[in-house]
Amino acid sequence: MLVFLNLHWFTIKIYSKQMIHKNFILTLFILILFACSDDGEQNETTGASDTTNTSSNNSTSNNTTSVGGTDISILAEKFYNNSAVSVVVNDNNLVISAKDLPDHKSAYYNTNNPLYESYNEPNNPSFKLNPNNILEQDIVMTIPRFPKIDNSHEATPMGPMGIAVNSVAIFNQMAAPGDDILEELNTFDQYEGHPAPGGVYHYHIEPVWLTQTLGEDAFIGLLLDGFPVYGPVENSIRLKNDDLDDYHGHIHDTPEFPEGIYHYHITDELPWINGDGFYGTPGNITR
């Protein structure tokens, strides 16, 4: 009887150990499943968060592109004086490199230059040659490819504020310190330009060489904010200052932009090309 009880107890003990071992394995298995499930949920959450961030970044990028202004890269091919001006179109900018050498004759070229011609304009008997000569420049303008309005309307600088299609700098309506712009008119050559100290040839008013050869309604150049400059005629009408806004432009269709774009116009009246500042955000210039 005692032997039987001992055997029975030994069997129960073994059975209990087996049950404990099985329970331990089952518990461990459940813990592993739970841990894996939890990791999966964390990975899925992290993935969703990453997807959201990516979507948000893409949305920001798309909005930045979509809210930009009109693409003006079509105008790059209009710059024709290839030996003196080049245009590189980047994702967001046009980079214009200009030597500032007019392709027309001028009394300001050195007398040994083939484009030298003494002043022979009979319409201005008050003409007087200023002491400067045309010298090759190294002007680089980085201009927005998608120009848009800037409500601060930054003032245009002294010196180049734009580039004409023949590489010549465009200046605003201000004279050099101590000078009178109306007096400076008498120093403009037969094509209405003259050089500043340092040899920077430029236009303050209508560049008649361009309007005579390209047309009075033609695209003439770009200001530093990326908005185009057109001649004084639109739809066969010669515009006046009253037809334009404070910045000397308006929104209207043009041959290059049939759906319309803001653009400046040259007029016969002061301020001629630009009024109270840039309409858009200007790029930068080095020289």
Protein backbone atom coordinates (compact mmCIF):
# COMPACT_ATOMS: atom_id res chain seq x y z
CA MET A 1 0.00 0.00 0.00
CA LEU A 2 2.80 2.38 0.89
CA VAL A 3 4.56 1.57 -2.35
CA PHE A 4 1.40 2.32 -4.32
CA LEU A 5 0.98 5.67 -2.60
CA ASN A 6 4.55 6.60 -3.26
CA LEU A 7 4.19 5.67 -6.89
CA HIS A 8 0.96 7.63 -7.11
CA TRP A 9 2.58 10.67 -5.56
CA PHE A 10 5.55 10.36 -7.91
CA THR A 11 3.18 10.19 -10.88
CA ILE A 12 1.26 13.26 -9.69
CA LYS A 13 4.53 15.13 -9.16
CA ILE A 14 5.69 14.30 -12.65
CA TYR A 15 2.29 15.22 -14.08
CA SER A 16 2.36 18.52 -12.16
CA LYS A 17 5.82 19.32 -13.48
CA GLN A 18 4.62 18.55 -16.99
CA MET A 19 1.60 20.82 -16.54
CA ILE A 20 3.76 23.62 -15.19
CA HIS A 21 6.13 23.20 -18.12
CA LYS A 22 3.21 23.24 -20.58
CA ASN A 23 1.69 26.28 -18.89
CA PHE A 24 5.05 28.04 -18.99
CA ILE A 25 5.42 27.33 -22.70
CA LEU A 26 1.82 28.45 -23.38
CA THR A 27 2.31 31.65 -21.40
CA LEU A 28 5.58 32.36 -23.17
CA PHE A 29 3.92 31.76 -26.56
CA ILE A 30 1.08 34.18 -25.72
CA LEU A 31 3.58 36.83 -24.60
CA ILE A 32 5.52 36.47 -27.85
CA LEU A 33 2.32 36.79 -29.90
CA PHE A 34 1.30 39.90 -27.97
CA ALA A 35 4.72 41.44 -28.39
CA CYS A 36 4.70 40.77 -32.14
CA SER A 37 1.21 42.18 -32.43
CA ASP A 38 2.28 45.32 -30.54
CA ASP A 39 5.36 45.76 -32.75
CA GLY A 40 3.17 45.41 -35.82
CA GLU A 41 0.83 48.09 -34.57
CA GLN A 42 3.77 50.37 -33.81
CA ASN A 43 5.23 49.77 -37.26
CA GLU A 44 1.90 50.46 -38.92
CA THR A 45 1.51 53.66 -36.91
CA THR A 46 5.00 54.79 -37.82
CA GLY A 47 4.30 53.99 -41.45
CA ALA A 48 1.08 56.01 -41.39
CA SER A 49 2.91 58.92 -39.81
CA ASP A 50 5.63 58.75 -42.49
CA THR A 51 2.98 58.63 -45.20
CA THR A 52 1.26 61.65 -43.73
CA ASN A 53 4.50 63.61 -43.59
CA THR A 54 5.35 62.66 -47.17
CA SER A 55 1.89 63.64 -48.30
CA SER A 56 2.17 66.92 -46.45
CA ASN A 57 5.55 67.65 -48.02
CA ASN A 58 4.26 66.81 -51.49
CA SER A 59 1.25 69.02 -50.91
CA THR A 60 3.48 71.90 -49.88
CA SER A 61 5.68 71.39 -52.92
CA ASN A 62 2.71 71.22 -55.26
CA ASN A 63 1.14 74.31 -53.75
CA THR A 64 4.38 76.21 -54.09
CA THR A 65 4.46 75.33 -57.75
CA SER A 66 0.79 75.97 -58.40
CA VAL A 67 0.60 79.37 -56.71
CA GLY A 68 3.61 80.73 -58.61
CA GLY A 69 3.26 83.25 -61.41
CA THR A 70 3.27 82.75 -65.16
CA ASP A 71 6.27 80.93 -66.61
CA ILE A 72 8.29 83.50 -68.57
CA SER A 73 10.92 81.08 -69.90
CA ILE A 74 9.45 81.48 -73.40
CA LEU A 75 11.07 84.93 -73.45
CA ALA A 76 14.60 83.54 -73.26
CA GLU A 77 14.70 83.06 -77.02
CA LYS A 78 13.85 86.72 -77.58
CA PHE A 79 17.30 87.85 -76.45
CA TYR A 80 18.95 88.00 -79.84
CA ASN A 81 22.34 89.73 -79.57
CA ASN A 82 24.02 86.37 -78.98
CA SER A 83 27.59 87.63 -78.89
CA ALA A 84 26.69 89.95 -76.01
CA VAL A 85 23.88 88.26 -74.06
CA SER A 86 22.94 84.73 -73.02
CA VAL A 87 20.04 83.32 -71.02
CA VAL A 88 20.05 80.11 -68.97
CA VAL A 89 16.67 78.78 -67.83
CA ASN A 90 16.69 77.02 -64.45
CA ASP A 91 13.84 75.51 -62.44
CA ASN A 92 12.98 78.78 -60.73
CA ASN A 93 15.07 81.46 -62.44
CA LEU A 94 16.35 82.92 -65.66
CA VAL A 95 20.02 83.79 -65.43
CA ILE A 96 20.90 86.53 -67.92
CA SER A 97 24.54 87.30 -68.59
CA ALA A 98 25.07 90.53 -70.52
CA LYS A 99 28.10 92.36 -71.88
CA ASP A 100 25.99 95.51 -72.28
CA LEU A 101 27.15 96.20 -75.84
CA PRO A 102 24.49 97.78 -78.04
CA ASP A 103 24.17 96.31 -81.53
CA HIS A 104 23.47 99.73 -83.00
CA LYS A 105 25.70 102.67 -83.78
CA SER A 106 26.52 105.24 -81.15
CA ALA A 107 28.65 108.33 -80.68
CA TYR A 108 29.79 106.71 -77.43
CA TYR A 109 31.71 103.85 -79.01
CA ASN A 110 35.42 104.42 -79.46
CA THR A 111 36.10 106.01 -82.83
CA ASN A 112 37.93 102.90 -84.04
CA ASN A 113 34.88 100.69 -83.37
CA PRO A 114 32.84 99.75 -86.48
CA LEU A 115 29.68 100.81 -84.61
CA TYR A 116 30.97 104.30 -83.91
CA GLU A 117 28.91 107.04 -85.51
CA SER A 118 29.01 110.70 -84.64
CA TYR A 119 25.77 112.17 -83.39
CA ASN A 120 23.66 113.27 -86.35
CA GLU A 121 20.17 113.51 -84.87
CA PRO A 122 18.68 116.81 -86.08
CA ASN A 123 15.82 116.68 -83.58
CA ASN A 124 18.01 117.71 -80.66
CA PRO A 125 20.24 120.69 -81.37
CA SER A 126 21.06 120.75 -77.62
CA PHE A 127 22.89 117.41 -77.75
CA LYS A 128 26.15 117.27 -75.85
CA LEU A 129 28.44 114.28 -75.51
CA ASN A 130 28.99 113.13 -71.95
CA PRO A 131 32.60 112.22 -71.01
CA ASN A 132 32.07 108.43 -70.90
CA ASN A 133 32.61 105.69 -73.48
CA ILE A 134 30.87 102.34 -73.94
CA LEU A 135 32.85 99.60 -72.21
CA GLU A 136 32.13 95.88 -72.06
CA GLN A 137 30.46 94.85 -68.81
CA ASP A 138 29.85 91.60 -66.95
CA ILE A 139 26.27 91.92 -65.74
CA VAL A 140 24.54 88.81 -64.37
CA MET A 141 20.86 89.04 -63.46
CA THR A 142 19.05 86.18 -61.74
CA ILE A 143 15.38 86.80 -62.46
CA PRO A 144 12.32 84.87 -61.17
CA ARG A 145 11.00 82.45 -63.76
CA PHE A 146 7.52 82.63 -62.22
CA PRO A 147 7.15 86.32 -61.32
CA LYS A 148 4.36 87.35 -58.99
CA ILE A 149 3.18 90.49 -57.27
CA ASP A 150 5.01 91.73 -54.20
CA ASN A 151 2.90 94.17 -52.21
CA SER A 152 5.99 95.86 -50.80
CA HIS A 153 6.82 97.11 -54.32
CA GLU A 154 10.51 97.53 -53.64
CA ALA A 155 12.09 100.65 -55.13
CA THR A 156 14.15 100.15 -58.26
CA PRO A 157 17.90 100.61 -57.76
CA MET A 158 20.25 103.15 -59.18
CA GLY A 159 22.03 101.38 -62.00
CA PRO A 160 20.62 98.41 -63.94
CA MET A 161 17.05 97.46 -63.07
CA GLY A 162 16.57 95.28 -66.15
CA ILE A 163 18.09 94.03 -69.39
CA ALA A 164 16.94 94.72 -72.95
CA VAL A 165 16.90 91.95 -75.55
CA ASN A 166 20.10 93.30 -77.15
CA SER A 167 22.11 93.07 -73.87
CA VAL A 168 21.77 96.75 -72.91
CA ALA A 169 21.00 97.71 -69.31
CA ILE A 170 17.69 99.39 -68.48
CA PHE A 171 17.84 102.18 -65.90
CA ASN A 172 15.04 103.88 -63.99
CA GLN A 173 13.96 107.50 -64.34
CA MET A 174 16.49 108.86 -61.86
CA ALA A 175 19.60 110.79 -62.82
CA ALA A 176 22.97 110.34 -61.19
CA PRO A 177 23.32 112.22 -57.87
CA GLY A 178 23.68 115.92 -58.56
CA ASP A 179 22.31 115.64 -62.12
CA ASP A 180 18.90 116.42 -63.60
CA ILE A 181 17.36 113.65 -65.69
CA LEU A 182 15.78 116.21 -68.03
CA GLU A 183 19.23 117.67 -68.63
CA GLU A 184 20.60 114.18 -69.16
CA LEU A 185 18.16 113.75 -72.05
CA ASN A 186 20.46 116.00 -74.06
CA THR A 187 23.28 113.47 -73.73
CA PHE A 188 21.31 110.56 -75.22
CA ASP A 189 22.67 109.37 -78.56
CA GLN A 190 20.67 108.88 -81.76
CA TYR A 191 19.16 105.67 -80.31
CA GLU A 192 18.34 107.23 -76.94
CA GLY A 193 21.03 105.70 -74.78
CA HIS A 194 24.21 106.84 -73.10
CA PRO A 195 26.97 105.43 -70.86
CA ALA A 196 27.37 106.04 -67.16
CA PRO A 197 30.78 106.38 -65.49
CA GLY A 198 32.43 102.99 -65.81
CA GLY A 199 31.09 102.59 -69.35
CA VAL A 200 27.66 101.08 -68.53
CA TYR A 201 25.58 101.96 -71.59
CA HIS A 202 21.87 102.08 -70.79
CA TYR A 203 18.38 103.22 -71.72
CA HIS A 204 16.21 105.45 -69.51
CA ILE A 205 13.56 105.98 -72.17
CA GLU A 206 12.24 104.25 -75.30
CA PRO A 207 15.11 102.42 -77.03
CA VAL A 208 14.15 103.49 -80.53
CA TRP A 209 16.57 101.06 -82.17
CA LEU A 210 14.52 98.21 -80.73
CA THR A 211 11.09 99.66 -81.35
CA GLN A 212 12.08 100.53 -84.93
CA THR A 213 13.49 97.08 -85.71
CA LEU A 214 11.22 94.84 -83.62
CA GLY A 215 8.04 96.94 -83.59
CA GLU A 216 6.56 99.50 -81.25
CA ASP A 217 4.41 96.82 -79.61
CA ALA A 218 7.25 94.30 -79.24
CA PHE A 219 8.77 92.71 -76.17
CA ILE A 220 11.78 94.87 -75.29
CA GLY A 221 13.30 93.27 -72.19
CA LEU A 222 12.84 92.14 -68.60
CA LEU A 223 13.01 94.01 -65.34
CA LEU A 224 14.68 92.38 -62.36
CA ASP A 225 11.34 91.16 -60.96
CA GLY A 226 10.74 88.99 -64.03
CA PHE A 227 7.90 91.00 -65.54
CA PRO A 228 8.35 91.88 -69.22
CA VAL A 229 8.70 95.33 -70.76
CA TYR A 230 6.84 96.13 -73.97
CA GLY A 231 6.97 99.04 -76.36
CA PRO A 232 4.61 102.01 -76.24
CA VAL A 233 1.91 100.55 -78.50
CA GLU A 234 -0.76 98.01 -77.61
CA ASN A 235 -3.61 97.01 -79.91
CA SER A 236 -2.54 99.79 -82.30
CA ILE A 237 -2.95 102.41 -79.56
CA ARG A 238 0.00 104.42 -78.26
CA LEU A 239 -0.32 104.25 -74.50
CA LYS A 240 -0.06 107.11 -72.04
CA ASN A 241 0.80 107.10 -68.35
CA ASP A 242 -2.90 107.32 -67.47
CA ASP A 243 -3.44 103.95 -69.14
CA LEU A 244 -1.09 102.29 -66.67
CA ASP A 245 -0.83 101.77 -62.91
CA ASP A 246 1.59 103.38 -60.46
CA TYR A 247 4.31 100.93 -61.48
CA HIS A 248 3.89 101.74 -65.17
CA GLY A 249 2.19 98.53 -66.21
CA HIS A 250 -1.02 96.55 -66.31
CA ILE A 251 -2.38 93.04 -66.78
CA HIS A 252 -3.26 92.34 -70.40
CA ASP A 253 -2.74 89.70 -73.04
CA THR A 254 0.37 89.93 -75.20
CA PRO A 255 1.54 87.92 -78.23
CA GLU A 256 3.73 85.79 -75.95
CA PHE A 257 1.10 85.47 -73.22
CA PRO A 258 -2.36 85.26 -74.82
CA GLU A 259 -3.96 84.50 -71.44
CA GLY A 260 -2.56 87.72 -70.00
CA ILE A 261 0.34 88.71 -67.78
CA TYR A 262 1.37 91.78 -65.85
CA HIS A 263 3.84 93.78 -67.94
CA TYR A 264 5.40 97.21 -68.11
CA HIS A 265 5.02 99.61 -71.02
CA ILE A 266 7.31 102.31 -72.27
CA THR A 267 5.62 105.69 -72.73
CA ASP A 268 6.66 109.10 -74.03
CA GLU A 269 6.24 110.68 -70.62
CA LEU A 270 8.34 110.55 -67.49
CA PRO A 271 8.87 108.05 -65.80
CA TRP A 272 9.06 106.34 -69.24
CA ILE A 273 9.60 102.68 -68.21
CA ASN A 274 8.92 102.15 -64.49
CA GLY A 275 7.02 104.16 -61.89
CA ASP A 276 6.95 103.74 -58.13
CA GLY A 277 8.94 100.52 -57.85
CA PHE A 278 8.91 96.90 -58.95
CA TYR A 279 5.52 95.28 -59.34
CA GLY A 280 6.98 91.93 -58.28
CA THR A 281 9.77 90.54 -56.15
CA PRO A 282 13.12 91.44 -57.73
CA GLY A 283 15.87 88.92 -58.24
CA ASN A 284 19.49 89.83 -57.82
CA ILE A 285 22.26 91.32 -59.90
CA THR A 286 26.04 91.09 -59.86
CA ARG A 287 28.48 93.08 -61.94
